[in-house]
C-alpha atoms as a PDB file:
ATOM      1  CA  MET A   1      91.823 130.216 116.695  1.00  0.00           C
ATOM      2  CA  ALA A   2      91.186 127.834 113.816  1.00  0.00           C
ATOM      3  CA  GLN A   3      88.882 124.845 114.106  1.00  0.00           C
ATOM      4  CA  LEU A   4      90.668 121.527 114.410  1.00  0.00           C
ATOM      5  CA  THR A   5      89.759 118.772 111.978  1.00  0.00           C
ATOM      6  CA  LYS A   6      88.612 115.328 113.088  1.00  0.00           C
ATOM      7  CA  ASN A   7      91.999 113.910 112.109  1.00  0.00           C
ATOM      8  CA  GLN A   8      93.890 116.537 114.132  1.00  0.00           C
ATOM      9  CA  LEU A   9      91.738 115.742 117.173  1.00  0.00           C
ATOM     10  CA  ARG A  10      92.359 112.003 116.662  1.00  0.00           C
ATOM     11  CA  LYS A  11      96.114 112.631 116.499  1.00  0.00           C
ATOM     12  CA  ARG A  12      95.912 114.584 119.754  1.00  0.00           C
ATOM     13  CA  ARG A  13      94.144 111.667 121.449  1.00  0.00           C
ATOM     14  CA  HIS A  14      96.705 109.249 120.007  1.00  0.00           C
ATOM     15  CA  ASN A  15      99.616 111.329 121.321  1.00  0.00           C
ATOM     16  CA  ARG A  16      98.030 111.321 124.781  1.00  0.00           C
ATOM     17  CA  LEU A  17      97.703 107.531 124.634  1.00  0.00           C
ATOM     18  CA  ARG A  18     101.241 107.032 123.345  1.00  0.00           C
ATOM     19  CA  LYS A  19     102.664 108.745 126.439  1.00  0.00           C
ATOM     20  CA  ILE A  20     101.299 105.803 128.432  1.00  0.00           C
ATOM     21  CA  ILE A  21     101.355 102.858 126.003  1.00  0.00           C
ATOM     22  CA  MET A  22     104.707 101.311 125.064  1.00  0.00           C
ATOM     23  CA  GLY A  23     105.406  97.979 123.409  1.00  0.00           C
ATOM     24  CA  THR A  24     108.306  95.717 124.346  1.00  0.00           C
ATOM     25  CA  ALA A  25     109.700  92.528 122.841  1.00  0.00           C
ATOM     26  CA  GLU A  26     107.802  90.416 125.407  1.00  0.00           C
ATOM     27  CA  ARG A  27     104.592  92.447 125.106  1.00  0.00           C
ATOM     28  CA  PRO A  28     104.432  94.378 121.820  1.00  0.00           C
ATOM     29  CA  ARG A  29     101.991  97.149 120.973  1.00  0.00           C
ATOM     30  CA  MET A  30      99.058  96.096 118.794  1.00  0.00           C
ATOM     31  CA  SER A  31      98.431  99.251 116.778  1.00  0.00           C
ATOM     32  CA  VAL A  32      95.183  99.689 114.840  1.00  0.00           C
ATOM     33  CA  PHE A  33      94.611 102.277 112.113  1.00  0.00           C
ATOM     34  CA  VAL A  34      91.313 102.661 110.291  1.00  0.00           C
ATOM     35  CA  SER A  35      91.241 104.771 107.133  1.00  0.00           C
ATOM     36  CA  ASN A  36      88.216 105.525 104.977  1.00  0.00           C
ATOM     37  CA  VAL A  37      88.975 102.498 102.800  1.00  0.00           C
ATOM     38  CA  HIS A  38      91.281 100.085 104.675  1.00  0.00           C
ATOM     39  CA  ILE A  39      92.146  98.768 108.132  1.00  0.00           C
ATOM     40  CA  TYR A  40      95.724  98.124 109.292  1.00  0.00           C
ATOM     41  CA  VAL A  41      96.994  96.161 112.323  1.00  0.00           C
ATOM     42  CA  GLN A  42     100.653  96.096 113.384  1.00  0.00           C
ATOM     43  CA  PHE A  43     102.528  94.448 116.233  1.00  0.00           C
ATOM     44  CA  ILE A  44     105.328  96.838 117.206  1.00  0.00           C
ATOM     45  CA  ASP A  45     108.345  96.503 119.529  1.00  0.00           C
ATOM     46  CA  ASP A  46     108.949 100.128 120.560  1.00  0.00           C
ATOM     47  CA  ASP A  47     112.222  99.319 122.362  1.00  0.00           C
ATOM     48  CA  ALA A  48     113.846  98.106 119.149  1.00  0.00           C
ATOM     49  CA  GLY A  49     111.706 100.278 116.890  1.00  0.00           C
ATOM     50  CA  THR A  50     110.627  97.361 114.703  1.00  0.00           C
ATOM     51  CA  THR A  51     107.387  95.964 113.392  1.00  0.00           C
ATOM     52  CA  LEU A  52     107.124  92.273 114.292  1.00  0.00           C
ATOM     53  CA  ALA A  53     104.020  91.397 112.260  1.00  0.00           C
ATOM     54  CA  THR A  54     101.432  93.200 110.197  1.00  0.00           C
ATOM     55  CA  VAL A  55      98.128  92.452 108.522  1.00  0.00           C
ATOM     56  CA  SER A  56      95.686  94.686 106.690  1.00  0.00           C
ATOM     57  CA  THR A  57      92.737  94.632 104.354  1.00  0.00           C
ATOM     58  CA  LEU A  58      95.324  94.877 101.553  1.00  0.00           C
ATOM     59  CA  SER A  59      96.889  91.531 102.571  1.00  0.00           C
ATOM     60  CA  PRO A  60      96.419  88.643 100.133  1.00  0.00           C
ATOM     61  CA  GLU A  61      94.929  86.392 102.844  1.00  0.00           C
ATOM     62  CA  PHE A  62      92.260  89.001 103.619  1.00  0.00           C
ATOM     63  CA  LYS A  63      91.436  89.484  99.954  1.00  0.00           C
ATOM     64  CA  GLU A  64      91.086  85.695  99.519  1.00  0.00           C
ATOM     65  CA  SER A  65      88.549  85.589 102.359  1.00  0.00           C
ATOM     66  CA  GLY A  66      86.191  87.797 100.336  1.00  0.00           C
ATOM     67  CA  GLU A  67      85.305  89.983 103.343  1.00  0.00           C
ATOM     68  CA  LYS A  68      84.600  93.687 103.079  1.00  0.00           C
ATOM     69  CA  THR A  69      86.028  96.428 105.285  1.00  0.00           C
ATOM     70  CA  ASN A  70      83.016  96.558 107.598  1.00  0.00           C
ATOM     71  CA  VAL A  71      82.660  95.304 111.183  1.00  0.00           C
ATOM     72  CA  LYS A  72      82.389  91.683 110.015  1.00  0.00           C
ATOM     73  CA  GLY A  73      85.554  92.132 107.967  1.00  0.00           C
ATOM     74  CA  ALA A  74      87.257  93.720 110.985  1.00  0.00           C
ATOM     75  CA  GLU A  75      86.457  90.583 113.003  1.00  0.00           C
ATOM     76  CA  ALA A  76      88.070  88.439 110.310  1.00  0.00           C
ATOM     77  CA  LEU A  77      91.078  90.778 110.252  1.00  0.00           C
ATOM     78  CA  GLY A  78      91.423  90.482 114.046  1.00  0.00           C
ATOM     79  CA  ALA A  79      91.478  86.687 113.755  1.00  0.00           C
ATOM     80  CA  MET A  80      94.115  86.879 110.999  1.00  0.00           C
ATOM     81  CA  ALA A  81      96.180  89.272 113.113  1.00  0.00           C
ATOM     82  CA  ALA A  82      96.024  86.874 116.071  1.00  0.00           C
ATOM     83  CA  LYS A  83      97.148  83.943 113.906  1.00  0.00           C
ATOM     84  CA  LYS A  84     100.028  85.972 112.482  1.00  0.00           C
ATOM     85  CA  ALA A  85     101.035  87.078 115.990  1.00  0.00           C
ATOM     86  CA  LYS A  86     100.978  83.476 117.240  1.00  0.00           C
ATOM     87  CA  ALA A  87     103.194  82.455 114.308  1.00  0.00           C
ATOM     88  CA  VAL A  88     105.777  85.041 115.386  1.00  0.00           C
ATOM     89  CA  GLY A  89     105.489  83.975 119.049  1.00  0.00           C
ATOM     90  CA  ILE A  90     103.376  86.840 120.421  1.00  0.00           C
ATOM     91  CA  ASN A  91     100.893  85.824 123.139  1.00  0.00           C
ATOM     92  CA  SER A  92     100.156  89.095 124.952  1.00  0.00           C
ATOM     93  CA  VAL A  93      99.987  92.650 123.656  1.00  0.00           C
ATOM     94  CA  VAL A  94      99.308  96.236 124.697  1.00  0.00           C
ATOM     95  CA  PHE A  95      96.348  97.512 122.666  1.00  0.00           C
ATOM     96  CA  ASP A  96      96.787 100.868 120.895  1.00  0.00           C
ATOM     97  CA  ARG A  97      93.500 102.091 119.429  1.00  0.00           C
ATOM     98  CA  GLY A  98      95.278 104.917 117.606  1.00  0.00           C
ATOM     99  CA  GLY A  99      93.072 107.690 118.967  1.00  0.00           C
ATOM    100  CA  PHE A 100      89.962 106.103 117.491  1.00  0.00           C
ATOM    101  CA  THR A 101      86.959 105.453 119.726  1.00  0.00           C
ATOM    102  CA  TYR A 102      86.780 101.907 121.061  1.00  0.00           C
ATOM    103  CA  HIS A 103      83.699 101.162 119.016  1.00  0.00           C
ATOM    104  CA  GLY A 104      82.710  99.411 115.800  1.00  0.00           C
ATOM    105  CA  LYS A 105      85.670  98.167 113.750  1.00  0.00           C
ATOM    106  CA  VAL A 106      88.297  98.858 116.427  1.00  0.00           C
ATOM    107  CA  LYS A 107      86.300  96.955 119.050  1.00  0.00           C
ATOM    108  CA  ALA A 108      85.627  94.101 116.593  1.00  0.00           C
ATOM    109  CA  ILE A 109      89.372  93.699 115.940  1.00  0.00           C
ATOM    110  CA  ALA A 110      90.167  93.653 119.663  1.00  0.00           C
ATOM    111  CA  ASP A 111      87.386  91.209 120.554  1.00  0.00           C
ATOM    112  CA  SER A 112      88.320  88.874 117.713  1.00  0.00           C
ATOM    113  CA  ALA A 113      91.982  88.886 118.755  1.00  0.00           C
ATOM    114  CA  ARG A 114      90.935  88.092 122.346  1.00  0.00           C
ATOM    115  CA  LYS A 115      88.824  85.167 121.141  1.00  0.00           C
ATOM    116  CA  ASN A 116      91.907  83.806 119.376  1.00  0.00           C
ATOM    117  CA  ASP A 117      93.952  83.733 122.631  1.00  0.00           C
ATOM    118  CA  ILE A 118      95.812  87.048 122.465  1.00  0.00           C
ATOM    119  CA  LYS A 119      96.037  88.497 125.987  1.00  0.00           C
ATOM    120  CA  PHE A 120      95.467  92.234 126.409  1.00  0.00           C
END
């Protein structure tokens, strides 16, 4: 049997989580993806299959802030995601860590969103 890569193991964990986690219009799924270079956050309504709001390190507002894609930058991204969610009318979410460990950048995004009045 072949060795599984880190990404294949992460996808397995994510599939296990997605069996349980589901976003609705009232309480969308806050999905986080961390690549080697960038961080992406989406607010997804799984019932309708639509993305309600999105923010990433590629967004112009993040680039204007001058932050890097480290833990401090992840905190800033979490605050931006919370502001964008509030603008669309999202107050509470279901957190989807995407199979990543709840540590470092993923935890910083979640904590920053909580500080900006997004209920988990």
